[in-house]
Amino acid sequence: METDKVLRHTGLSEKQIAVYAALLKLGEASMTELARAGHLKRSTAYLVVEELLVGGLIAPKEKPRIQVFEGVEGMRALYRELYQSLNKREEALWFTRIGALREYMPEALTEYKKMLRRLRHPRIRELNYGDEEGKKWLIEMKRVRGRNHFIRALPTDYEFGFTDNLIFGNKLVIFSLKEHVFVTVIESEEIAKTYRALFEWAWKQGREE
C-alpha cells in the first residue's frame, strides 16, 4: 500500500504502521476490529495503540459516559455529588418545572433545601417555569437562598415538560418525572458546554425575581 510506504519513512515499526494504517482506513473501530484489520493479536494491538498514544500520533475521542438511576435513591446519590461540587464553589445551573417536582418527587425539593442550609452561599442559578407553582417556589426560597443564589422565571408561552434539569461540572442531569422517576446523568465536557450556552441564552430571556 502507498500509505505503508509513506509511514515507513516516519520511523514507525511494522506493527505500529499496521495499526495506524488500519485506523486511517476504519476511523472509529473496536480493538477487535483494529487487530483484525492490522493482522495482529488483540493483546498486541492494545500495546501498539498505547505506544501511538504516548507518541502523540493518535488521540482517544471523548466518549460521553451515561448513567441512569431510578427513584429516590438515585436522586439522593446525585445530590451528594452536587453537594461536593457546590462546596468547591463551582456553579450549578437549574432549569425546571417546580410543579412537576412537587407532584412526582417532593423528596427532591426537601433534599435540595437541606443541602442549601448546610452550604454557605453556594453559587446557583435557577430558571423556573413561571406558572403559579414557580411563583410559590420563589416565596419559599427567599428564606433559604444565599447571596450567590439567583432565580429567574421563564415565560409560559411554551409548555415545559415534566422534567428537572441540572448542569454542574462536566455533567448534564435530567430528572424524568411522572409515575416512574429516572435520573439520567450524561458526563461530557462538550455536552455540558453546549447546554451551558443554551442556559445562558435562556437566562437572558428570563424575568428577574
C-alpha atoms as a PDB file:
ATOM      1  CA  MET A   1       0.000   0.000   0.000  1.00  0.00           C
ATOM      2  CA  GLU A   2       1.150   3.569  -0.731  1.00  0.00           C
ATOM      3  CA  THR A   3       0.205   4.611   2.834  1.00  0.00           C
ATOM      4  CA  ASP A   4       2.503   1.965   4.294  1.00  0.00           C
ATOM      5  CA  LYS A   5       5.422   3.232   2.206  1.00  0.00           C
ATOM      6  CA  VAL A   6       4.895   6.778   3.469  1.00  0.00           C
ATOM      7  CA  LEU A   7       4.594   5.644   7.084  1.00  0.00           C
ATOM      8  CA  ARG A   8       7.851   3.679   6.911  1.00  0.00           C
ATOM      9  CA  HIS A   9       9.695   6.969   6.441  1.00  0.00           C
ATOM     10  CA  THR A  10       8.385   8.137   9.845  1.00  0.00           C
ATOM     11  CA  GLY A  11      10.411   5.561  11.728  1.00  0.00           C
ATOM     12  CA  LEU A  12       7.387   3.597  12.944  1.00  0.00           C
ATOM     13  CA  SER A  13       7.668  -0.146  13.487  1.00  0.00           C
ATOM     14  CA  GLU A  14       5.816  -2.577  11.213  1.00  0.00           C
ATOM     15  CA  LYS A  15       3.180  -3.208  13.893  1.00  0.00           C
ATOM     16  CA  GLN A  16       2.683   0.499  14.518  1.00  0.00           C
ATOM     17  CA  ILE A  17       2.298   1.060  10.782  1.00  0.00           C
ATOM     18  CA  ALA A  18      -0.259  -1.754  10.603  1.00  0.00           C
ATOM     19  CA  VAL A  19      -2.369  -0.238  13.392  1.00  0.00           C
ATOM     20  CA  TYR A  20      -2.016   3.338  12.158  1.00  0.00           C
ATOM     21  CA  ALA A  21      -2.983   2.366   8.599  1.00  0.00           C
ATOM     22  CA  ALA A  22      -5.966   0.414   9.949  1.00  0.00           C
ATOM     23  CA  LEU A  23      -7.129   3.483  11.900  1.00  0.00           C
ATOM     24  CA  LEU A  24      -6.825   5.655   8.794  1.00  0.00           C
ATOM     25  CA  LYS A  25      -8.963   3.192   6.911  1.00  0.00           C
ATOM     26  CA  LEU A  26     -11.569   2.398   9.586  1.00  0.00           C
ATOM     27  CA  GLY A  27     -11.812   5.633  11.516  1.00  0.00           C
ATOM     28  CA  GLU A  28     -13.532   4.661  14.771  1.00  0.00           C
ATOM     29  CA  ALA A  29     -13.086   0.958  15.494  1.00  0.00           C
ATOM     30  CA  SER A  30     -13.194  -1.500  18.362  1.00  0.00           C
ATOM     31  CA  MET A  31      -9.932  -3.117  19.437  1.00  0.00           C
ATOM     32  CA  THR A  32     -11.081  -6.412  17.892  1.00  0.00           C
ATOM     33  CA  GLU A  33     -11.745  -4.722  14.529  1.00  0.00           C
ATOM     34  CA  LEU A  34      -8.421  -2.916  14.733  1.00  0.00           C
ATOM     35  CA  ALA A  35      -6.490  -6.098  15.488  1.00  0.00           C
ATOM     36  CA  ARG A  36      -8.206  -7.934  12.629  1.00  0.00           C
ATOM     37  CA  ALA A  37      -7.525  -5.142  10.132  1.00  0.00           C
ATOM     38  CA  GLY A  38      -3.867  -4.947  11.202  1.00  0.00           C
ATOM     39  CA  HIS A  39      -3.445  -8.754  11.217  1.00  0.00           C
ATOM     40  CA  LEU A  40      -2.363  -8.674  14.864  1.00  0.00           C
ATOM     41  CA  LYS A  41      -3.362 -10.360  18.081  1.00  0.00           C
ATOM     42  CA  ARG A  42      -5.786  -8.301  20.156  1.00  0.00           C
ATOM     43  CA  SER A  43      -3.300  -8.056  23.039  1.00  0.00           C
ATOM     44  CA  THR A  44      -0.624  -6.806  20.633  1.00  0.00           C
ATOM     45  CA  ALA A  45      -3.000  -4.233  19.182  1.00  0.00           C
ATOM     46  CA  TYR A  46      -3.612  -2.867  22.700  1.00  0.00           C
ATOM     47  CA  LEU A  47       0.135  -2.409  23.269  1.00  0.00           C
ATOM     48  CA  VAL A  48       0.661  -0.741  19.906  1.00  0.00           C
ATOM     49  CA  VAL A  49      -2.248   1.667  20.468  1.00  0.00           C
ATOM     50  CA  GLU A  50      -0.675   2.651  23.808  1.00  0.00           C
ATOM     51  CA  GLU A  51       2.636   3.310  22.039  1.00  0.00           C
ATOM     52  CA  LEU A  52       0.921   5.520  19.450  1.00  0.00           C
ATOM     53  CA  LEU A  53      -0.969   7.399  22.177  1.00  0.00           C
ATOM     54  CA  VAL A  54       2.227   8.085  24.114  1.00  0.00           C
ATOM     55  CA  GLY A  55       3.913   9.242  20.916  1.00  0.00           C
ATOM     56  CA  GLY A  56       1.072  11.679  20.254  1.00  0.00           C
ATOM     57  CA  LEU A  57       0.285  10.091  16.892  1.00  0.00           C
ATOM     58  CA  ILE A  58      -3.308   9.251  17.844  1.00  0.00           C
ATOM     59  CA  ALA A  59      -5.713  10.591  20.482  1.00  0.00           C
ATOM     60  CA  PRO A  60      -8.752   8.864  22.010  1.00  0.00           C
ATOM     61  CA  LYS A  61     -12.056  10.556  21.295  1.00  0.00           C
ATOM     62  CA  GLU A  62     -14.092  11.635  24.287  1.00  0.00           C
ATOM     63  CA  LYS A  63     -16.982   9.242  24.731  1.00  0.00           C
ATOM     64  CA  PRO A  64     -19.841  10.557  26.879  1.00  0.00           C
ATOM     65  CA  ARG A  65     -20.446   8.496  29.994  1.00  0.00           C
ATOM     66  CA  ILE A  66     -24.137   7.882  30.583  1.00  0.00           C
ATOM     67  CA  GLN A  67     -25.667   6.588  33.806  1.00  0.00           C
ATOM     68  CA  VAL A  68     -29.336   6.010  34.615  1.00  0.00           C
ATOM     69  CA  PHE A  69     -30.662   5.832  38.183  1.00  0.00           C
ATOM     70  CA  GLU A  70     -34.181   5.039  39.290  1.00  0.00           C
ATOM     71  CA  GLY A  71     -36.240   6.603  42.059  1.00  0.00           C
ATOM     72  CA  VAL A  72     -35.327   8.387  45.266  1.00  0.00           C
ATOM     73  CA  GLU A  73     -32.027   6.597  45.893  1.00  0.00           C
ATOM     74  CA  GLY A  74     -30.672   7.675  42.535  1.00  0.00           C
ATOM     75  CA  MET A  75     -31.738  11.247  43.257  1.00  0.00           C
ATOM     76  CA  ARG A  76     -30.010  11.223  46.657  1.00  0.00           C
ATOM     77  CA  ALA A  77     -26.775   9.870  45.164  1.00  0.00           C
ATOM     78  CA  LEU A  78     -26.831  12.705  42.656  1.00  0.00           C
ATOM     79  CA  TYR A  79     -27.463  15.317  45.353  1.00  0.00           C
ATOM     80  CA  ARG A  80     -24.476  14.068  47.337  1.00  0.00           C
ATOM     81  CA  GLU A  81     -22.277  14.643  44.307  1.00  0.00           C
ATOM     82  CA  LEU A  82     -23.825  18.060  43.714  1.00  0.00           C
ATOM     83  CA  TYR A  83     -23.168  18.985  47.354  1.00  0.00           C
ATOM     84  CA  GLN A  84     -19.462  18.248  46.913  1.00  0.00           C
ATOM     85  CA  SER A  85     -19.343  20.338  43.739  1.00  0.00           C
ATOM     86  CA  LEU A  86     -21.053  23.332  45.367  1.00  0.00           C
ATOM     87  CA  ASN A  87     -18.767  23.001  48.366  1.00  0.00           C
ATOM     88  CA  LYS A  88     -15.851  23.615  45.972  1.00  0.00           C
ATOM     89  CA  ARG A  89     -17.531  26.876  44.900  1.00  0.00           C
ATOM     90  CA  GLU A  90     -18.493  25.533  41.477  1.00  0.00           C
ATOM     91  CA  GLU A  91     -21.716  26.876  39.961  1.00  0.00           C
ATOM     92  CA  ALA A  92     -24.868  24.812  39.455  1.00  0.00           C
ATOM     93  CA  LEU A  93     -27.419  25.729  36.790  1.00  0.00           C
ATOM     94  CA  TRP A  94     -31.037  24.530  37.037  1.00  0.00           C
ATOM     95  CA  PHE A  95     -33.910  24.783  34.615  1.00  0.00           C
ATOM     96  CA  THR A  96     -37.025  23.196  35.936  1.00  0.00           C
ATOM     97  CA  ARG A  97     -40.757  22.932  36.390  1.00  0.00           C
ATOM     98  CA  ILE A  98     -41.241  23.067  40.148  1.00  0.00           C
ATOM     99  CA  GLY A  99     -44.862  21.894  39.940  1.00  0.00           C
ATOM    100  CA  ALA A 100     -43.763  18.622  38.345  1.00  0.00           C
ATOM    101  CA  LEU A 101     -41.184  18.039  41.081  1.00  0.00           C
ATOM    102  CA  ARG A 102     -43.654  18.884  43.829  1.00  0.00           C
ATOM    103  CA  GLU A 103     -46.176  16.419  42.422  1.00  0.00           C
ATOM    104  CA  TYR A 104     -43.976  13.486  41.447  1.00  0.00           C
ATOM    105  CA  MET A 105     -40.812  13.850  43.516  1.00  0.00           C
ATOM    106  CA  PRO A 106     -41.313  16.120  46.563  1.00  0.00           C
ATOM    107  CA  GLU A 107     -38.337  14.388  48.201  1.00  0.00           C
ATOM    108  CA  ALA A 108     -36.065  16.200  45.741  1.00  0.00           C
ATOM    109  CA  LEU A 109     -37.236  19.609  46.949  1.00  0.00           C
ATOM    110  CA  THR A 110     -36.794  18.563  50.593  1.00  0.00           C
ATOM    111  CA  GLU A 111     -33.252  17.311  49.921  1.00  0.00           C
ATOM    112  CA  TYR A 112     -32.427  20.473  47.984  1.00  0.00           C
ATOM    113  CA  LYS A 113     -33.480  22.761  50.833  1.00  0.00           C
ATOM    114  CA  LYS A 114     -31.499  20.672  53.340  1.00  0.00           C
ATOM    115  CA  MET A 115     -28.433  20.951  51.138  1.00  0.00           C
ATOM    116  CA  LEU A 116     -28.794  24.730  50.830  1.00  0.00           C
ATOM    117  CA  ARG A 117     -28.958  25.113  54.606  1.00  0.00           C
ATOM    118  CA  ARG A 118     -25.707  23.163  55.027  1.00  0.00           C
ATOM    119  CA  LEU A 119     -23.754  25.234  52.500  1.00  0.00           C
ATOM    120  CA  ARG A 120     -22.509  28.797  52.839  1.00  0.00           C
ATOM    121  CA  HIS A 121     -23.720  30.929  49.936  1.00  0.00           C
ATOM    122  CA  PRO A 122     -23.471  28.293  47.154  1.00  0.00           C
ATOM    123  CA  ARG A 123     -23.267  29.551  43.567  1.00  0.00           C
ATOM    124  CA  ILE A 124     -26.599  28.627  41.964  1.00  0.00           C
ATOM    125  CA  ARG A 125     -28.805  29.983  39.220  1.00  0.00           C
ATOM    126  CA  GLU A 126     -32.328  28.672  38.655  1.00  0.00           C
ATOM    127  CA  LEU A 127     -34.540  29.129  35.618  1.00  0.00           C
ATOM    128  CA  ASN A 128     -38.058  28.118  36.639  1.00  0.00           C
ATOM    129  CA  TYR A 129     -41.189  27.702  34.564  1.00  0.00           C
ATOM    130  CA  GLY A 130     -43.144  30.802  35.566  1.00  0.00           C
ATOM    131  CA  ASP A 131     -46.516  29.271  36.437  1.00  0.00           C
ATOM    132  CA  GLU A 132     -48.246  29.519  39.842  1.00  0.00           C
ATOM    133  CA  GLU A 133     -46.082  26.754  41.337  1.00  0.00           C
ATOM    134  CA  GLY A 134     -42.986  28.574  40.168  1.00  0.00           C
ATOM    135  CA  LYS A 135     -44.177  31.759  41.922  1.00  0.00           C
ATOM    136  CA  LYS A 136     -44.834  29.853  45.165  1.00  0.00           C
ATOM    137  CA  TRP A 137     -41.334  28.369  44.979  1.00  0.00           C
ATOM    138  CA  LEU A 138     -39.813  31.834  44.757  1.00  0.00           C
ATOM    139  CA  ILE A 139     -41.521  32.830  48.020  1.00  0.00           C
ATOM    140  CA  GLU A 140     -40.301  29.637  49.720  1.00  0.00           C
ATOM    141  CA  MET A 141     -36.739  30.141  48.525  1.00  0.00           C
ATOM    142  CA  LYS A 142     -36.431  33.643  49.951  1.00  0.00           C
ATOM    143  CA  ARG A 143     -35.937  32.029  53.366  1.00  0.00           C
ATOM    144  CA  VAL A 144     -33.126  29.679  52.356  1.00  0.00           C
ATOM    145  CA  ARG A 145     -31.207  31.026  49.385  1.00  0.00           C
ATOM    146  CA  GLY A 146     -27.914  32.842  49.873  1.00  0.00           C
ATOM    147  CA  ARG A 147     -26.444  35.909  48.224  1.00  0.00           C
ATOM    148  CA  ASN A 148     -24.996  33.885  45.310  1.00  0.00           C
ATOM    149  CA  HIS A 149     -28.286  32.145  44.533  1.00  0.00           C
ATOM    150  CA  PHE A 150     -30.307  33.786  41.741  1.00  0.00           C
ATOM    151  CA  ILE A 151     -33.701  32.845  40.310  1.00  0.00           C
ATOM    152  CA  ARG A 152     -35.409  33.908  37.103  1.00  0.00           C
ATOM    153  CA  ALA A 153     -38.831  32.952  35.786  1.00  0.00           C
ATOM    154  CA  LEU A 154     -39.325  31.697  32.255  1.00  0.00           C
ATOM    155  CA  PRO A 155     -42.400  32.790  30.279  1.00  0.00           C
ATOM    156  CA  THR A 156     -45.171  30.215  29.956  1.00  0.00           C
ATOM    157  CA  ASP A 157     -45.643  30.706  26.204  1.00  0.00           C
ATOM    158  CA  TYR A 158     -44.356  27.174  25.597  1.00  0.00           C
ATOM    159  CA  GLU A 159     -45.270  24.096  27.594  1.00  0.00           C
ATOM    160  CA  PHE A 160     -42.429  22.866  29.799  1.00  0.00           C
ATOM    161  CA  GLY A 161     -42.110  19.081  30.073  1.00  0.00           C
ATOM    162  CA  PHE A 162     -42.272  17.111  33.317  1.00  0.00           C
ATOM    163  CA  THR A 163     -38.527  17.262  33.845  1.00  0.00           C
ATOM    164  CA  ASP A 164     -35.951  18.833  36.109  1.00  0.00           C
ATOM    165  CA  ASN A 165     -32.574  19.642  34.574  1.00  0.00           C
ATOM    166  CA  LEU A 166     -29.223  20.452  36.106  1.00  0.00           C
ATOM    167  CA  ILE A 167     -25.760  21.337  34.817  1.00  0.00           C
ATOM    168  CA  PHE A 168     -22.713  21.190  37.077  1.00  0.00           C
ATOM    169  CA  GLY A 169     -19.084  20.365  36.425  1.00  0.00           C
ATOM    170  CA  ASN A 170     -18.977  18.396  33.184  1.00  0.00           C
ATOM    171  CA  LYS A 171     -22.379  16.799  33.780  1.00  0.00           C
ATOM    172  CA  LEU A 172     -25.876  17.257  32.448  1.00  0.00           C
ATOM    173  CA  VAL A 173     -28.502  15.706  34.715  1.00  0.00           C
ATOM    174  CA  ILE A 174     -32.083  15.079  33.603  1.00  0.00           C
ATOM    175  CA  PHE A 175     -34.779  14.071  36.073  1.00  0.00           C
ATOM    176  CA  SER A 176     -37.575  12.392  34.117  1.00  0.00           C
ATOM    177  CA  LEU A 177     -40.695  12.669  36.259  1.00  0.00           C
ATOM    178  CA  LYS A 178     -44.285  11.348  36.335  1.00  0.00           C
ATOM    179  CA  GLU A 179     -45.240   7.849  37.538  1.00  0.00           C
ATOM    180  CA  HIS A 180     -41.723   6.393  37.220  1.00  0.00           C
ATOM    181  CA  VAL A 181     -38.812   8.629  38.138  1.00  0.00           C
ATOM    182  CA  PHE A 182     -35.483   8.232  36.373  1.00  0.00           C
ATOM    183  CA  VAL A 183     -32.315  10.276  36.706  1.00  0.00           C
ATOM    184  CA  THR A 184     -30.071  10.332  33.617  1.00  0.00           C
ATOM    185  CA  VAL A 185     -26.541  11.652  34.030  1.00  0.00           C
ATOM    186  CA  ILE A 186     -24.518  12.492  30.907  1.00  0.00           C
ATOM    187  CA  GLU A 187     -20.861  13.161  31.665  1.00  0.00           C
ATOM    188  CA  SER A 188     -19.188  15.013  28.798  1.00  0.00           C
ATOM    189  CA  GLU A 189     -17.285  18.298  28.723  1.00  0.00           C
ATOM    190  CA  GLU A 190     -18.586  19.169  25.251  1.00  0.00           C
ATOM    191  CA  ILE A 191     -22.227  18.358  26.019  1.00  0.00           C
ATOM    192  CA  ALA A 192     -22.060  20.309  29.289  1.00  0.00           C
ATOM    193  CA  LYS A 193     -20.522  23.254  27.419  1.00  0.00           C
ATOM    194  CA  THR A 194     -23.344  23.255  24.855  1.00  0.00           C
ATOM    195  CA  TYR A 195     -26.078  23.146  27.489  1.00  0.00           C
ATOM    196  CA  ARG A 196     -24.386  25.909  29.466  1.00  0.00           C
ATOM    197  CA  ALA A 197     -24.550  28.081  26.352  1.00  0.00           C
ATOM    198  CA  LEU A 198     -28.268  27.268  25.946  1.00  0.00           C
ATOM    199  CA  PHE A 199     -28.834  28.072  29.604  1.00  0.00           C
ATOM    200  CA  GLU A 200     -27.114  31.468  29.217  1.00  0.00           C
ATOM    201  CA  TRP A 201     -29.324  32.276  26.240  1.00  0.00           C
ATOM    202  CA  ALA A 202     -32.460  31.308  28.192  1.00  0.00           C
ATOM    203  CA  TRP A 203     -31.221  33.219  31.260  1.00  0.00           C
ATOM    204  CA  LYS A 204     -31.311  36.443  29.245  1.00  0.00           C
ATOM    205  CA  GLN A 205     -34.951  35.736  28.357  1.00  0.00           C
ATOM    206  CA  GLY A 206     -35.941  35.079  31.972  1.00  0.00           C
ATOM    207  CA  ARG A 207     -37.676  37.549  34.256  1.00  0.00           C
ATOM    208  CA  GLU A 208     -35.618  38.796  37.183  1.00  0.00           C
ATOM    209  CA  GLU A 209     -37.006  37.643  40.547  1.00  0.00           C
END
